[in-house]
Amino acid sequence: MYRNRVLRTLLVLLLMFTFAFTVPVASGQRRRYRNPEAGKKKAAKRIGIGTAVGAGAGALIGGRKGALIGAGAGAGAGTAYHYHKKKQWRHRHRRYRRG
C-alpha cells in the first residue's frame, strides 16, 4: 500500500515537471517576418532581366562587343536594383526588425 502511494506521488510530480518544461513561455516567443523582396528567385529574375535588356541594347548599338558590355552593365544594374528593393522593404517595415 505504501509503495503504491509513493509511486503515484512520484508519477504525479514527474508529470507536473514534464508539463512545466514542455509548455513554451509566451514572453519568449517572437514572430519573425520574412522579407518577400529578398528571395534568391527574385534576385535571379531581376539580374537575368537586367542582363538580357543590357545585352539587347548593347547589340543594337555596338554589335557583339557591345552586347557583352551591355550584358555586364545590365547584370550590374539588376543587382543594384535587387539590393535597392530589399533595402526599401526593410526601410518600410522597420517595426518588424529586431532591435
N, C-alpha and C. Protein backbone atom coordinates (compact mmCIF):
# COMPACT_ATOMS: atom_id res chain seq x y z
N MET A 1 0.83 -1.20 0.00
CA MET A 1 0.00 0.00 0.00
C MET A 1 0.87 1.26 0.00
N TYR A 2 1.86 1.29 0.88
CA TYR A 2 2.75 2.45 0.97
C TYR A 2 3.55 2.62 -0.32
N ARG A 3 3.94 1.51 -0.91
CA ARG A 3 4.73 1.54 -2.14
C ARG A 3 3.92 2.13 -3.30
N ASN A 4 2.65 1.78 -3.42
CA ASN A 4 1.78 2.32 -4.47
C ASN A 4 1.60 3.83 -4.30
N ARG A 5 1.48 4.26 -3.09
CA ARG A 5 1.28 5.68 -2.82
C ARG A 5 2.53 6.49 -3.21
N VAL A 6 3.69 5.98 -2.91
CA VAL A 6 4.94 6.65 -3.27
C VAL A 6 5.09 6.69 -4.78
N LEU A 7 4.78 5.59 -5.45
CA LEU A 7 4.88 5.55 -6.90
C LEU A 7 3.91 6.53 -7.56
N ARG A 8 2.70 6.61 -7.07
CA ARG A 8 1.73 7.57 -7.61
C ARG A 8 2.19 9.00 -7.41
N THR A 9 2.72 9.29 -6.24
CA THR A 9 3.22 10.64 -5.96
C THR A 9 4.37 11.00 -6.88
N LEU A 10 5.30 10.08 -7.05
CA LEU A 10 6.42 10.33 -7.96
C LEU A 10 5.94 10.52 -9.39
N LEU A 11 4.96 9.73 -9.80
CA LEU A 11 4.43 9.86 -11.16
C LEU A 11 3.75 11.21 -11.36
N VAL A 12 2.99 11.66 -10.39
CA VAL A 12 2.33 12.97 -10.48
C VAL A 12 3.38 14.09 -10.53
N LEU A 13 4.40 14.01 -9.70
CA LEU A 13 5.46 15.03 -9.72
C LEU A 13 6.21 15.02 -11.05
N LEU A 14 6.47 13.84 -11.58
CA LEU A 14 7.15 13.73 -12.87
C LEU A 14 6.31 14.36 -13.98
N LEU A 15 5.01 14.10 -13.98
CA LEU A 15 4.13 14.70 -14.99
C LEU A 15 4.07 16.22 -14.85
N MET A 16 4.04 16.72 -13.63
CA MET A 16 4.00 18.17 -13.42
C MET A 16 5.25 18.84 -13.96
N PHE A 17 6.41 18.26 -13.66
CA PHE A 17 7.65 18.85 -14.16
C PHE A 17 7.77 18.72 -15.68
N THR A 18 7.27 17.63 -16.22
CA THR A 18 7.30 17.46 -17.67
C THR A 18 6.47 18.53 -18.36
N PHE A 19 5.28 18.81 -17.86
CA PHE A 19 4.45 19.86 -18.44
C PHE A 19 5.06 21.24 -18.26
N ALA A 20 5.73 21.44 -17.15
CA ALA A 20 6.34 22.75 -16.89
C ALA A 20 7.44 23.05 -17.89
N PHE A 21 8.17 22.03 -18.31
CA PHE A 21 9.28 22.26 -19.24
C PHE A 21 8.87 22.23 -20.69
N THR A 22 7.74 21.58 -20.99
CA THR A 22 7.35 21.48 -22.40
C THR A 22 6.49 22.65 -22.86
N VAL A 23 5.83 23.36 -21.97
CA VAL A 23 4.98 24.48 -22.36
C VAL A 23 5.87 25.70 -22.58
N PRO A 24 5.84 26.29 -23.78
CA PRO A 24 6.70 27.45 -24.04
C PRO A 24 6.20 28.69 -23.30
N VAL A 25 7.14 29.54 -22.97
CA VAL A 25 6.81 30.78 -22.29
C VAL A 25 6.38 31.80 -23.35
N ALA A 26 5.26 32.47 -23.14
CA ALA A 26 4.72 33.40 -24.13
C ALA A 26 5.65 34.59 -24.33
N SER A 27 6.33 35.03 -23.29
CA SER A 27 7.20 36.20 -23.45
C SER A 27 8.44 35.88 -24.26
N GLY A 28 8.81 34.61 -24.35
CA GLY A 28 9.99 34.22 -25.11
C GLY A 28 9.71 34.04 -26.59
N GLN A 29 8.45 34.08 -26.98
CA GLN A 29 8.11 33.88 -28.38
C GLN A 29 8.16 35.21 -29.12
N ARG A 30 8.67 35.17 -30.33
CA ARG A 30 8.74 36.36 -31.15
C ARG A 30 8.48 35.97 -32.58
N ARG A 31 7.56 36.64 -33.20
CA ARG A 31 7.25 36.32 -34.59
C ARG A 31 8.30 36.92 -35.51
N ARG A 32 8.80 36.09 -36.41
CA ARG A 32 9.81 36.54 -37.37
C ARG A 32 9.11 36.81 -38.69
N TYR A 33 9.36 37.96 -39.26
CA TYR A 33 8.76 38.32 -40.53
C TYR A 33 9.79 38.12 -41.64
N ARG A 34 9.34 37.58 -42.75
CA ARG A 34 10.21 37.30 -43.88
C ARG A 34 10.10 38.42 -44.89
N ASN A 35 11.24 38.84 -45.41
CA ASN A 35 11.27 39.88 -46.44
C ASN A 35 10.94 39.22 -47.79
N PRO A 36 9.77 39.54 -48.36
CA PRO A 36 9.40 38.90 -49.62
C PRO A 36 10.21 39.41 -50.81
N GLU A 37 10.95 40.48 -50.64
CA GLU A 37 11.75 41.03 -51.73
C GLU A 37 13.17 40.46 -51.76
N ALA A 38 13.51 39.58 -50.82
CA ALA A 38 14.90 39.17 -50.67
C ALA A 38 15.18 37.75 -51.14
N GLY A 39 14.28 37.12 -51.86
CA GLY A 39 14.47 35.74 -52.27
C GLY A 39 15.50 35.55 -53.38
N LYS A 40 16.04 34.35 -53.44
CA LYS A 40 17.02 34.04 -54.48
C LYS A 40 16.38 34.01 -55.86
N LYS A 41 15.13 33.56 -55.92
CA LYS A 41 14.43 33.54 -57.22
C LYS A 41 14.24 34.96 -57.74
N LYS A 42 13.85 35.88 -56.84
CA LYS A 42 13.67 37.26 -57.28
C LYS A 42 14.99 37.87 -57.71
N ALA A 43 16.05 37.55 -56.99
CA ALA A 43 17.37 38.07 -57.35
C ALA A 43 17.77 37.58 -58.74
N ALA A 44 17.60 36.28 -58.98
CA ALA A 44 17.96 35.71 -60.28
C ALA A 44 17.12 36.33 -61.39
N LYS A 45 15.85 36.53 -61.11
CA LYS A 45 14.96 37.12 -62.13
C LYS A 45 15.37 38.55 -62.45
N ARG A 46 15.62 39.34 -61.42
CA ARG A 46 15.99 40.74 -61.64
C ARG A 46 17.33 40.87 -62.36
N ILE A 47 18.29 40.07 -61.94
CA ILE A 47 19.61 40.13 -62.58
C ILE A 47 19.53 39.60 -64.01
N GLY A 48 18.77 38.54 -64.22
CA GLY A 48 18.62 37.97 -65.56
C GLY A 48 17.94 38.94 -66.53
N ILE A 49 16.89 39.61 -66.05
CA ILE A 49 16.20 40.59 -66.90
C ILE A 49 17.13 41.75 -67.23
N GLY A 50 17.87 42.20 -66.22
CA GLY A 50 18.83 43.30 -66.46
C GLY A 50 19.89 42.90 -67.48
N THR A 51 20.37 41.67 -67.38
CA THR A 51 21.38 41.18 -68.31
C THR A 51 20.82 41.11 -69.74
N ALA A 52 19.61 40.59 -69.87
CA ALA A 52 19.02 40.46 -71.20
C ALA A 52 18.76 41.82 -71.84
N VAL A 53 18.23 42.75 -71.07
CA VAL A 53 17.96 44.08 -71.61
C VAL A 53 19.26 44.78 -71.99
N GLY A 54 20.27 44.65 -71.11
CA GLY A 54 21.57 45.26 -71.40
C GLY A 54 22.22 44.66 -72.64
N ALA A 55 22.13 43.34 -72.78
CA ALA A 55 22.72 42.68 -73.95
C ALA A 55 22.00 43.10 -75.23
N GLY A 56 20.67 43.19 -75.15
CA GLY A 56 19.91 43.61 -76.33
C GLY A 56 20.24 45.03 -76.74
N ALA A 57 20.30 45.92 -75.79
CA ALA A 57 20.62 47.32 -76.11
C ALA A 57 22.04 47.44 -76.62
N GLY A 58 22.96 46.71 -75.98
CA GLY A 58 24.35 46.76 -76.44
C GLY A 58 24.53 46.19 -77.83
N ALA A 59 23.78 45.16 -78.17
CA ALA A 59 23.87 44.56 -79.50
C ALA A 59 23.35 45.52 -80.56
N LEU A 60 22.30 46.24 -80.24
CA LEU A 60 21.78 47.22 -81.21
C LEU A 60 22.76 48.35 -81.43
N ILE A 61 23.45 48.73 -80.39
CA ILE A 61 24.37 49.87 -80.50
C ILE A 61 25.73 49.45 -81.07
N GLY A 62 26.28 48.34 -80.52
CA GLY A 62 27.66 48.05 -80.90
C GLY A 62 27.96 46.64 -81.33
N GLY A 63 27.00 45.87 -81.74
CA GLY A 63 27.27 44.52 -82.23
C GLY A 63 27.61 43.56 -81.10
N ARG A 64 28.50 42.59 -81.41
CA ARG A 64 28.82 41.54 -80.45
C ARG A 64 29.55 42.09 -79.23
N LYS A 65 30.51 42.93 -79.46
CA LYS A 65 31.26 43.50 -78.33
C LYS A 65 30.34 44.38 -77.47
N GLY A 66 29.47 45.12 -78.10
CA GLY A 66 28.51 45.94 -77.37
C GLY A 66 27.54 45.10 -76.56
N ALA A 67 27.18 43.93 -77.10
CA ALA A 67 26.28 43.04 -76.38
C ALA A 67 26.94 42.53 -75.10
N LEU A 68 28.22 42.18 -75.18
CA LEU A 68 28.93 41.72 -73.98
C LEU A 68 29.04 42.83 -72.93
N ILE A 69 29.38 44.00 -73.38
CA ILE A 69 29.49 45.13 -72.44
C ILE A 69 28.12 45.46 -71.86
N GLY A 70 27.11 45.46 -72.70
CA GLY A 70 25.76 45.74 -72.23
C GLY A 70 25.25 44.69 -71.25
N ALA A 71 25.60 43.41 -71.50
CA ALA A 71 25.19 42.35 -70.58
C ALA A 71 25.82 42.54 -69.21
N GLY A 72 27.08 42.91 -69.20
CA GLY A 72 27.74 43.18 -67.91
C GLY A 72 27.13 44.36 -67.18
N ALA A 73 26.87 45.41 -67.93
CA ALA A 73 26.25 46.59 -67.32
C ALA A 73 24.84 46.28 -66.84
N GLY A 74 24.10 45.51 -67.62
CA GLY A 74 22.74 45.14 -67.23
C GLY A 74 22.72 44.25 -65.99
N ALA A 75 23.67 43.33 -65.90
CA ALA A 75 23.75 42.48 -64.71
C ALA A 75 24.06 43.32 -63.48
N GLY A 76 24.96 44.27 -63.62
CA GLY A 76 25.27 45.16 -62.50
C GLY A 76 24.08 46.01 -62.10
N ALA A 77 23.35 46.49 -63.08
CA ALA A 77 22.16 47.30 -62.79
C ALA A 77 21.07 46.45 -62.14
N GLY A 78 20.90 45.21 -62.59
CA GLY A 78 19.92 44.31 -61.98
C GLY A 78 20.26 43.98 -60.54
N THR A 79 21.54 43.79 -60.27
CA THR A 79 21.99 43.53 -58.90
C THR A 79 21.74 44.74 -58.01
N ALA A 80 22.07 45.92 -58.51
CA ALA A 80 21.83 47.14 -57.74
C ALA A 80 20.34 47.33 -57.48
N TYR A 81 19.51 47.03 -58.47
CA TYR A 81 18.06 47.16 -58.29
C TYR A 81 17.55 46.18 -57.25
N HIS A 82 18.08 44.96 -57.25
CA HIS A 82 17.65 43.97 -56.26
C HIS A 82 18.00 44.43 -54.85
N TYR A 83 19.22 44.89 -54.64
CA TYR A 83 19.60 45.37 -53.32
C TYR A 83 18.77 46.58 -52.90
N HIS A 84 18.45 47.42 -53.85
CA HIS A 84 17.61 48.58 -53.55
C HIS A 84 16.23 48.14 -53.08
N LYS A 85 15.63 47.16 -53.76
CA LYS A 85 14.30 46.70 -53.37
C LYS A 85 14.30 46.03 -52.00
N LYS A 86 15.36 45.26 -51.69
CA LYS A 86 15.46 44.65 -50.37
C LYS A 86 15.53 45.71 -49.28
N LYS A 87 16.37 46.69 -49.51
CA LYS A 87 16.54 47.76 -48.51
C LYS A 87 15.28 48.59 -48.38
N GLN A 88 14.59 48.82 -49.47
CA GLN A 88 13.35 49.59 -49.45
C GLN A 88 12.29 48.88 -48.62
N TRP A 89 12.19 47.56 -48.74
CA TRP A 89 11.20 46.81 -47.95
C TRP A 89 11.56 46.88 -46.47
N ARG A 90 12.87 46.70 -46.16
CA ARG A 90 13.30 46.78 -44.76
C ARG A 90 13.03 48.15 -44.18
N HIS A 91 13.23 49.19 -44.98
CA HIS A 91 13.00 50.56 -44.51
C HIS A 91 11.51 50.80 -44.24
N ARG A 92 10.66 50.27 -45.08
CA ARG A 92 9.22 50.47 -44.90
C ARG A 92 8.63 49.63 -43.79
N HIS A 93 9.31 48.54 -43.41
CA HIS A 93 8.79 47.63 -42.39
C HIS A 93 9.76 47.55 -41.21
N ARG A 94 10.20 48.68 -40.73
CA ARG A 94 11.19 48.71 -39.65
C ARG A 94 10.69 48.05 -38.38
N ARG A 95 9.39 48.18 -38.09
CA ARG A 95 8.89 47.67 -36.83
C ARG A 95 8.98 46.16 -36.72
N TYR A 96 9.16 45.46 -37.84
CA TYR A 96 9.25 44.01 -37.80
C TYR A 96 10.67 43.52 -37.54
N ARG A 97 11.63 44.43 -37.60
CA ARG A 97 13.01 44.03 -37.40
C ARG A 97 13.31 43.91 -35.91
N ARG A 98 14.35 43.16 -35.62
CA ARG A 98 14.77 43.02 -34.22
C ARG A 98 15.47 44.30 -33.80
N GLY A 99 15.45 44.55 -32.53
CA GLY A 99 16.23 45.68 -32.04
C GLY A 99 15.38 46.60 -31.30
